[in-house]
């Protein structure tokens, strides 16, 4: 749990100074509480919530986990608290003096976009609610009209905020839940305020704007931290993704990304804190997943997919693939198929009208009307 606590703090400080200061304060407060125990299942629960995209439970678990410490004596605890005090003071000073350079760069970027492309819609992604609240407060000061979509909102609230974004707002602030089940392709600019190490989560973010029948040119902006480990790991992950995409195609990287679990990402971070090479671990992980993908390919027969056999290769297939992955996979296939026409349903998010042309050979298993030899529209 100590390594996981360090991982969470690292991710939150990488996200924003605001999120970092809040987390360090919570850690210091919890360290001074007597009889603070971290449940044994905290790590497994946290990783489960992360995989499922349950933001509320994930953040609650984070508050428990960041209390983990390696301090064994009162003196060691005192030294750690003093170090936390110095970090909190430095972070708060930067916030008070408006010296958050990362946010200053973001503000410069969105103001440039507003000047040069005033009609374009911007989605800013962040993993953490504390960062989202900070961005909402500061961007509002610059007279941006902001709306947001987070995991804590109901489906109806998300839908209403998406409508506000399309009709009125300049910027949508979103966590990983942003756009899930919603049609946001009227937006064409995505900004990752921090980059997730999991490649599938990064692909899903991009997929919110780079979708089937997107008519505008799409722009993706990524903010990276100055931490050497982030730079090295992210560079290697992006390099591996582009290499696989160039050789095997985009669908392959979608499948491989879906196979990588948050537990495996945590293991990369764990190795980076020791004597091992996190970059070598990334190489090893992608090689392993690519071999699994090649095994899966033997079950792809004339565009059919045998999930029973695939399950024997990867037991966690049910947790690897979600509705968004299925939708993206299908729409990518439809976009590359000249004979298939797909249109979003007018008032139903996540639904599509699919028109499949006449076939020259009757297929009893698929055609309900063998006389007309054509398929019905599928909604």
Protein backbone atom coordinates (compact mmCIF):
# COMPACT_ATOMS: atom_id res chain seq x y z
CA UNK A 1 0.00 0.00 0.00
CA UNK A 2 2.94 2.36 0.55
CA UNK A 3 3.91 2.08 -3.13
CA UNK A 4 0.29 2.56 -4.17
CA UNK A 5 0.06 5.65 -1.92
CA UNK A 6 3.18 7.03 -3.60
CA UNK A 7 1.70 6.24 -7.03
CA UNK A 8 -1.54 8.10 -6.22
CA UNK A 9 0.31 11.12 -4.81
CA UNK A 10 2.58 11.14 -7.85
CA UNK A 11 -0.41 11.11 -10.22
CA UNK A 12 -2.21 13.86 -8.31
CA UNK A 13 0.82 16.15 -8.07
CA UNK A 14 1.40 15.55 -11.79
CA UNK A 15 -2.19 16.60 -12.47
CA UNK A 16 -2.12 19.99 -10.73
CA UNK A 17 -0.56 21.85 -7.82
CA UNK A 18 -4.07 22.25 -6.40
CA UNK A 19 -4.72 18.48 -6.35
CA UNK A 20 -1.24 17.88 -4.95
CA UNK A 21 -1.63 20.34 -2.06
CA UNK A 22 -5.06 18.96 -1.12
CA UNK A 23 -3.72 15.39 -1.14
CA UNK A 24 -0.66 16.24 0.94
CA UNK A 25 -2.84 18.00 3.52
CA UNK A 26 -5.12 14.97 3.77
CA UNK A 27 -2.11 12.70 4.14
CA UNK A 28 -0.62 14.79 6.94
CA UNK A 29 -3.94 14.94 8.77
CA UNK A 30 -4.43 11.17 8.52
CA UNK A 31 -0.88 10.42 9.67
CA UNK A 32 -1.55 12.25 12.95
CA UNK A 33 -4.77 10.39 13.64
CA UNK A 34 -4.33 7.57 16.18
CA UNK A 35 -5.22 4.02 15.21
CA UNK A 36 -5.60 4.80 11.52
CA UNK A 37 -5.71 1.48 9.72
CA UNK A 38 -5.89 0.90 6.00
CA UNK A 39 -8.18 -2.01 5.06
CA UNK A 40 -6.35 -4.99 3.57
CA UNK A 41 -8.56 -4.90 0.47
CA UNK A 42 -7.91 -1.21 -0.25
CA UNK A 43 -5.42 -1.85 -3.05
CA UNK A 44 -7.52 -4.47 -4.85
CA UNK A 45 -10.68 -2.37 -4.40
CA UNK A 46 -8.92 0.72 -5.72
CA UNK A 47 -7.70 -1.08 -8.84
CA UNK A 48 -11.17 -2.53 -9.36
CA UNK A 49 -12.79 0.92 -9.13
CA UNK A 50 -10.17 2.25 -11.54
CA UNK A 51 -10.92 -0.50 -14.08
CA UNK A 52 -14.67 0.03 -13.75
CA UNK A 53 -14.44 3.81 -14.03
CA UNK A 54 -16.21 4.29 -10.69
CA UNK A 55 -14.82 7.73 -9.86
CA UNK A 56 -16.63 8.33 -6.56
CA UNK A 57 -15.51 5.04 -4.99
CA UNK A 58 -12.03 5.39 -6.49
CA UNK A 59 -11.49 8.82 -4.94
CA UNK A 60 -12.82 7.62 -1.58
CA UNK A 61 -10.36 4.71 -1.70
CA UNK A 62 -7.55 7.11 -2.59
CA UNK A 63 -8.18 9.13 0.57
CA UNK A 64 -7.66 5.97 2.63
CA UNK A 65 -4.63 4.72 0.73
CA UNK A 66 -2.60 7.97 0.74
CA UNK A 67 -2.31 7.58 4.53
CA UNK A 68 0.01 4.58 4.11
CA UNK A 69 3.50 5.25 5.45
CA UNK A 70 6.79 3.42 5.87
CA UNK A 71 7.48 5.26 9.12
CA UNK A 72 7.94 2.82 12.01
CA UNK A 73 8.76 5.17 14.91
CA UNK A 74 7.49 8.49 16.24
CA UNK A 75 10.72 10.15 15.14
CA UNK A 76 10.34 8.89 11.56
CA UNK A 77 6.73 10.10 11.58
CA UNK A 78 7.82 13.53 12.83
CA UNK A 79 10.40 13.83 10.03
CA UNK A 80 7.80 12.90 7.42
CA UNK A 81 5.31 15.46 8.77
CA UNK A 82 7.95 18.19 8.64
CA UNK A 83 8.70 17.30 5.02
CA UNK A 84 4.98 17.41 4.22
CA UNK A 85 4.70 20.84 5.86
CA UNK A 86 7.46 22.21 3.61
CA UNK A 87 5.87 20.78 0.46
CA UNK A 88 2.42 22.08 1.38
CA UNK A 89 3.82 25.55 2.09
CA UNK A 90 5.69 25.65 -1.24
CA UNK A 91 2.66 24.46 -3.18
CA UNK A 92 0.29 26.92 -1.52
CA UNK A 93 2.72 29.77 -2.17
CA UNK A 94 2.72 28.94 -5.88
CA UNK A 95 -1.09 28.93 -5.91
CA UNK A 96 -1.38 32.19 -3.97
CA UNK A 97 1.08 33.92 -6.29
CA UNK A 98 -0.59 32.43 -9.40
CA UNK A 99 2.67 30.77 -10.40
CA UNK A 100 1.18 27.51 -11.66
CA UNK A 101 3.10 27.37 -14.95
CA UNK A 102 1.15 24.42 -16.25
CA UNK A 103 -2.14 26.27 -15.86
CA UNK A 104 -0.63 29.42 -17.40
CA UNK A 105 0.23 27.38 -20.50
CA UNK A 106 -3.30 25.99 -20.61
CA UNK A 107 -4.79 29.45 -20.34
CA UNK A 108 -2.55 30.67 -23.17
CA UNK A 109 -3.63 27.73 -25.33
CA UNK A 110 -7.39 28.11 -24.83
CA UNK A 111 -7.23 31.89 -25.33
CA UNK A 112 -5.34 31.33 -28.59
CA UNK A 113 -7.98 28.83 -29.72
CA UNK A 114 -10.76 31.25 -28.78
CA UNK A 115 -9.10 33.97 -30.88
CA UNK A 116 -8.21 31.87 -33.93
CA UNK A 117 -11.09 29.35 -33.91
CA UNK A 118 -13.96 30.94 -31.96
CA UNK A 119 -16.55 28.41 -33.18
CA UNK A 120 -14.58 25.32 -32.11
CA UNK A 121 -15.54 23.41 -28.99
CA UNK A 122 -12.92 22.31 -26.45
CA UNK A 123 -12.95 19.31 -24.10
CA UNK A 124 -10.38 19.36 -21.29
CA UNK A 125 -9.79 15.98 -19.65
CA UNK A 126 -8.47 15.45 -16.16
CA UNK A 127 -8.42 12.39 -13.95
CA UNK A 128 -9.07 14.19 -10.68
CA UNK A 129 -12.05 16.14 -9.32
CA UNK A 130 -9.78 18.52 -7.37
CA UNK A 131 -8.04 19.52 -10.60
CA UNK A 132 -11.37 19.89 -12.39
CA UNK A 133 -12.69 22.25 -9.69
CA UNK A 134 -9.49 24.33 -9.90
CA UNK A 135 -9.76 24.60 -13.70
CA UNK A 136 -13.44 25.52 -13.50
CA UNK A 137 -12.73 28.33 -11.01
CA UNK A 138 -9.74 29.78 -12.85
CA UNK A 139 -11.11 29.54 -16.41
CA UNK A 140 -14.37 31.18 -15.32
CA UNK A 141 -12.30 34.20 -14.25
CA UNK A 142 -11.25 34.52 -17.91
CA UNK A 143 -14.92 34.69 -18.93
CA UNK A 144 -15.08 31.21 -20.39
CA UNK A 145 -18.50 29.59 -20.14
CA UNK A 146 -17.82 26.21 -18.54
CA UNK A 147 -19.83 23.04 -18.17
CA UNK A 148 -18.66 19.69 -16.83
CA UNK A 149 -19.31 15.97 -16.91
CA UNK A 150 -18.04 13.76 -14.12
CA UNK A 151 -18.76 10.28 -12.84
CA UNK A 152 -20.90 11.62 -9.99
CA UNK A 153 -23.59 13.00 -12.32
CA UNK A 154 -26.72 11.08 -13.27
CA UNK A 155 -27.23 10.08 -16.95
CA UNK A 156 -29.84 12.82 -17.31
CA UNK A 157 -27.51 15.46 -15.83
CA UNK A 158 -24.73 14.37 -18.20
CA UNK A 159 -27.11 14.63 -21.14
CA UNK A 160 -28.25 18.11 -20.11
CA UNK A 161 -24.67 19.32 -19.66
CA UNK A 162 -23.76 17.93 -23.09
CA UNK A 163 -26.60 19.99 -24.60
CA UNK A 164 -25.37 23.10 -22.75
CA UNK A 165 -21.88 22.42 -24.11
CA UNK A 166 -23.16 22.12 -27.68
CA UNK A 167 -25.44 25.16 -27.57
CA UNK A 168 -23.75 27.64 -25.24
CA UNK A 169 -20.57 26.68 -23.38
CA UNK A 170 -17.03 27.21 -24.65
CA UNK A 171 -15.35 24.41 -22.72
CA UNK A 172 -16.38 21.05 -21.32
CA UNK A 173 -14.36 19.90 -18.31
CA UNK A 174 -14.52 16.15 -18.03
CA UNK A 175 -13.12 13.25 -16.10
CA UNK A 176 -12.87 9.76 -17.64
CA UNK A 177 -16.69 9.58 -17.60
CA UNK A 178 -17.04 12.52 -20.01
CA UNK A 179 -18.96 11.60 -23.11
CA UNK A 180 -19.61 8.00 -22.11
CA UNK A 181 -22.77 7.12 -24.03
CA UNK A 182 -23.01 10.69 -25.36
CA UNK A 183 -22.48 12.09 -28.82
CA UNK A 184 -19.84 14.82 -28.45
CA UNK A 185 -18.48 14.83 -31.99
CA UNK A 186 -19.56 18.47 -32.41
CA UNK A 187 -16.35 19.12 -30.40
CA UNK A 188 -13.10 18.78 -32.30
CA UNK A 189 -10.44 19.83 -29.76
CA UNK A 190 -9.33 17.64 -26.84
CA UNK A 191 -6.80 18.70 -24.22
CA UNK A 192 -5.33 16.10 -21.87
CA UNK A 193 -4.37 18.11 -18.80
CA UNK A 194 -2.46 15.06 -17.64
CA UNK A 195 -1.69 11.88 -19.55
CA UNK A 196 -2.87 8.54 -18.19
CA UNK A 197 -0.27 5.78 -18.34
CA UNK A 198 -2.90 3.29 -19.49
CA UNK A 199 -2.97 3.54 -23.32
CA UNK A 200 -6.61 2.45 -23.53
CA UNK A 201 -7.76 5.35 -21.37
CA UNK A 202 -5.81 7.74 -23.59
CA UNK A 203 -7.38 6.24 -26.73
CA UNK A 204 -10.85 6.53 -25.19
CA UNK A 205 -10.32 10.21 -24.46
CA UNK A 206 -9.26 10.87 -28.05
CA UNK A 207 -12.20 8.81 -29.27
CA UNK A 208 -14.64 11.32 -27.76
CA UNK A 209 -13.83 13.81 -30.54
CA UNK A 210 -12.19 11.66 -33.22
CA UNK A 211 -15.25 9.64 -34.14
CA UNK A 212 -17.16 8.31 -37.11
CA UNK A 213 -18.35 11.09 -39.45
CA UNK A 214 -16.41 13.80 -37.63
CA UNK A 215 -16.50 16.64 -40.18
CA UNK A 216 -14.02 19.01 -38.56
CA UNK A 217 -10.27 18.70 -38.31
CA UNK A 218 -9.42 17.24 -34.91
CA UNK A 219 -6.72 18.66 -32.61
CA UNK A 220 -5.29 16.81 -29.60
CA UNK A 221 -3.07 18.62 -27.07
CA UNK A 222 -1.20 16.70 -24.37
CA UNK A 223 0.28 18.23 -21.23
CA UNK A 224 3.21 16.28 -19.79
CA UNK A 225 5.02 16.73 -16.49
CA UNK A 226 8.71 17.31 -15.92
CA UNK A 227 9.05 14.13 -13.83
CA UNK A 228 11.71 11.96 -15.55
CA UNK A 229 9.77 8.73 -14.93
CA UNK A 230 6.62 10.16 -16.55
CA UNK A 231 8.61 11.38 -19.53
CA UNK A 232 10.38 8.05 -20.07
CA UNK A 233 7.35 5.79 -19.58
CA UNK A 234 4.93 7.93 -21.61
CA UNK A 235 7.43 8.30 -24.44
CA UNK A 236 7.89 4.52 -24.59
CA UNK A 237 4.13 3.81 -24.41
CA UNK A 238 3.34 6.28 -27.20
CA UNK A 239 6.22 4.92 -29.26
CA UNK A 240 4.98 1.32 -28.90
CA UNK A 241 1.41 2.38 -29.77
CA UNK A 242 2.51 4.14 -32.95
CA UNK A 243 4.73 1.24 -34.01
CA UNK A 244 1.90 -1.27 -33.56
CA UNK A 245 -0.57 1.06 -35.27
CA UNK A 246 1.74 1.46 -38.28
CA UNK A 247 2.29 -2.29 -38.70
CA UNK A 248 -1.03 -3.83 -37.64
CA UNK A 249 -3.57 -0.97 -37.86
CA UNK A 250 -5.63 1.08 -35.41
CA UNK A 251 -7.98 -1.75 -34.46
CA UNK A 252 -5.04 -3.74 -33.12
CA UNK A 253 -3.92 -1.03 -30.72
CA UNK A 254 -7.54 -0.70 -29.52
CA UNK A 255 -7.64 -4.40 -28.62
CA UNK A 256 -4.16 -4.44 -27.06
CA UNK A 257 -4.92 -1.31 -25.02
CA UNK A 258 -8.09 -2.97 -23.71
CA UNK A 259 -6.03 -5.90 -22.42
CA UNK A 260 -3.71 -3.79 -20.28
CA UNK A 261 -4.97 -3.61 -16.70
CA UNK A 262 -4.46 -0.90 -14.11
CA UNK A 263 -2.64 -3.48 -11.97
CA UNK A 264 -0.05 -3.86 -14.73
CA UNK A 265 0.32 -0.07 -14.95
CA UNK A 266 0.87 0.04 -11.18
CA UNK A 267 3.55 -2.64 -11.54
CA UNK A 268 5.40 -0.41 -14.02
CA UNK A 269 5.40 2.37 -11.43
CA UNK A 270 6.47 -0.06 -8.69
CA UNK A 271 9.47 -1.12 -10.80
CA UNK A 272 10.36 2.52 -11.46
CA UNK A 273 10.77 3.05 -7.71
CA UNK A 274 13.31 0.23 -7.41
CA UNK A 275 16.33 -0.97 -9.36
CA UNK A 276 14.42 -2.30 -12.36
CA UNK A 277 13.72 -0.53 -15.65
CA UNK A 278 10.16 0.72 -16.10
CA UNK A 279 10.83 1.26 -19.81
CA UNK A 280 11.89 -2.39 -20.22
CA UNK A 281 8.68 -3.41 -18.44
CA UNK A 282 6.64 -1.40 -20.96
CA UNK A 283 8.42 -3.24 -23.79
CA UNK A 284 7.74 -6.58 -22.13
CA UNK A 285 4.07 -5.74 -21.51
CA UNK A 286 3.33 -4.69 -25.08
CA UNK A 287 5.15 -7.73 -26.45
CA UNK A 288 3.04 -10.01 -24.23
CA UNK A 289 -0.24 -8.37 -25.29
CA UNK A 290 0.73 -8.42 -28.96
CA UNK A 291 1.37 -12.17 -28.73
CA UNK A 292 -2.09 -12.63 -27.18
CA UNK A 293 -3.60 -10.57 -30.01
CA UNK A 294 -1.90 -12.77 -32.58
CA UNK A 295 -3.39 -15.82 -30.85
CA UNK A 296 -6.82 -14.17 -30.94
CA UNK A 297 -6.53 -13.56 -34.68
CA UNK A 298 -6.94 -17.26 -35.42
CA UNK A 299 -10.52 -16.98 -34.16
CA UNK A 300 -11.35 -14.15 -36.58
CA UNK A 301 -13.11 -15.95 -39.44
CA UNK A 302 -14.78 -13.90 -42.18
CA UNK A 303 -15.52 -10.98 -39.89
CA UNK A 304 -16.91 -13.19 -37.12
CA UNK A 305 -15.50 -13.23 -33.61
CA UNK A 306 -15.53 -16.29 -31.34
CA UNK A 307 -15.59 -14.82 -27.83
CA UNK A 308 -15.80 -18.28 -26.23
CA UNK A 309 -12.35 -19.20 -27.50
CA UNK A 310 -10.94 -15.73 -26.81
CA UNK A 311 -12.02 -15.99 -23.17
CA UNK A 312 -9.72 -18.97 -22.73
CA UNK A 313 -6.79 -16.77 -23.78
CA UNK A 314 -7.60 -13.80 -21.56
CA UNK A 315 -9.80 -14.57 -18.53
CA UNK A 316 -10.49 -10.88 -17.87
CA UNK A 317 -12.04 -10.21 -21.29
CA UNK A 318 -15.35 -9.16 -19.66
CA UNK A 319 -13.52 -6.36 -17.81
CA UNK A 320 -11.31 -5.45 -20.76
CA UNK A 321 -14.08 -4.45 -23.17
CA UNK A 322 -16.77 -1.86 -22.42
CA UNK A 323 -19.59 -0.34 -24.48
CA UNK A 324 -17.42 2.51 -25.70
CA UNK A 325 -14.78 0.08 -27.05
CA UNK A 326 -17.47 -1.90 -28.89
CA UNK A 327 -18.97 1.26 -30.38
CA UNK A 328 -15.56 2.56 -31.48
CA UNK A 329 -14.61 -0.82 -32.99
CA UNK A 330 -17.86 -1.02 -34.96
CA UNK A 331 -17.77 2.59 -36.21
CA UNK A 332 -14.15 2.19 -37.33
CA UNK A 333 -15.19 -0.89 -39.34
CA UNK A 334 -18.20 0.95 -40.78
CA UNK A 335 -16.08 3.95 -41.78
CA UNK A 336 -13.78 1.66 -43.79
CA UNK A 337 -16.67 -0.21 -45.39
CA UNK A 338 -17.82 1.50 -48.57
CA UNK A 339 -21.09 -0.45 -48.77
CA UNK A 340 -22.36 0.26 -45.23
CA UNK A 341 -24.07 3.52 -44.28
CA UNK A 342 -24.33 4.49 -40.60
CA UNK A 343 -26.12 7.55 -39.24
CA UNK A 344 -26.54 8.56 -35.57
CA UNK A 345 -30.13 8.27 -34.38
CA UNK A 346 -31.57 11.78 -34.02
CA UNK A 347 -32.63 11.83 -30.38
CA UNK A 348 -31.10 8.71 -28.90
CA UNK A 349 -27.54 8.92 -27.72
CA UNK A 350 -25.42 5.87 -28.39
CA UNK A 351 -27.79 4.51 -31.07
CA UNK A 352 -27.28 4.39 -34.82
CA UNK A 353 -29.29 3.74 -37.96
CA UNK A 354 -27.45 1.16 -40.06
CA UNK A 355 -28.27 0.54 -43.73
CA UNK A 356 -26.78 -2.56 -45.33
CA UNK A 357 -27.19 -2.86 -49.12
CA UNK A 358 -28.80 -5.69 -51.06
CA UNK A 359 -26.85 -8.91 -51.37
CA UNK A 360 -26.68 -10.88 -54.59
CA UNK A 361 -26.93 -14.21 -52.80
CA UNK A 362 -29.78 -15.03 -50.40
CA UNK A 363 -28.52 -15.87 -46.92
CA UNK A 364 -31.18 -17.73 -45.00
CA UNK A 365 -29.58 -17.14 -41.62
CA UNK A 366 -29.61 -13.36 -42.03
CA UNK A 367 -32.41 -12.43 -44.43
CA UNK A 368 -35.92 -12.44 -43.02
CA UNK A 369 -37.33 -11.88 -46.53
CA UNK A 370 -35.71 -14.27 -49.03
CA UNK A 371 -37.80 -12.89 -51.87
CA UNK A 372 -36.47 -9.34 -51.59
CA UNK A 373 -32.96 -10.54 -50.66
CA UNK A 374 -32.18 -7.46 -48.58
CA UNK A 375 -31.66 -6.56 -44.96
CA UNK A 376 -33.89 -4.29 -42.91
CA UNK A 377 -32.54 -1.15 -41.27
CA UNK A 378 -31.15 -1.95 -37.83
CA UNK A 379 -31.52 0.55 -35.01
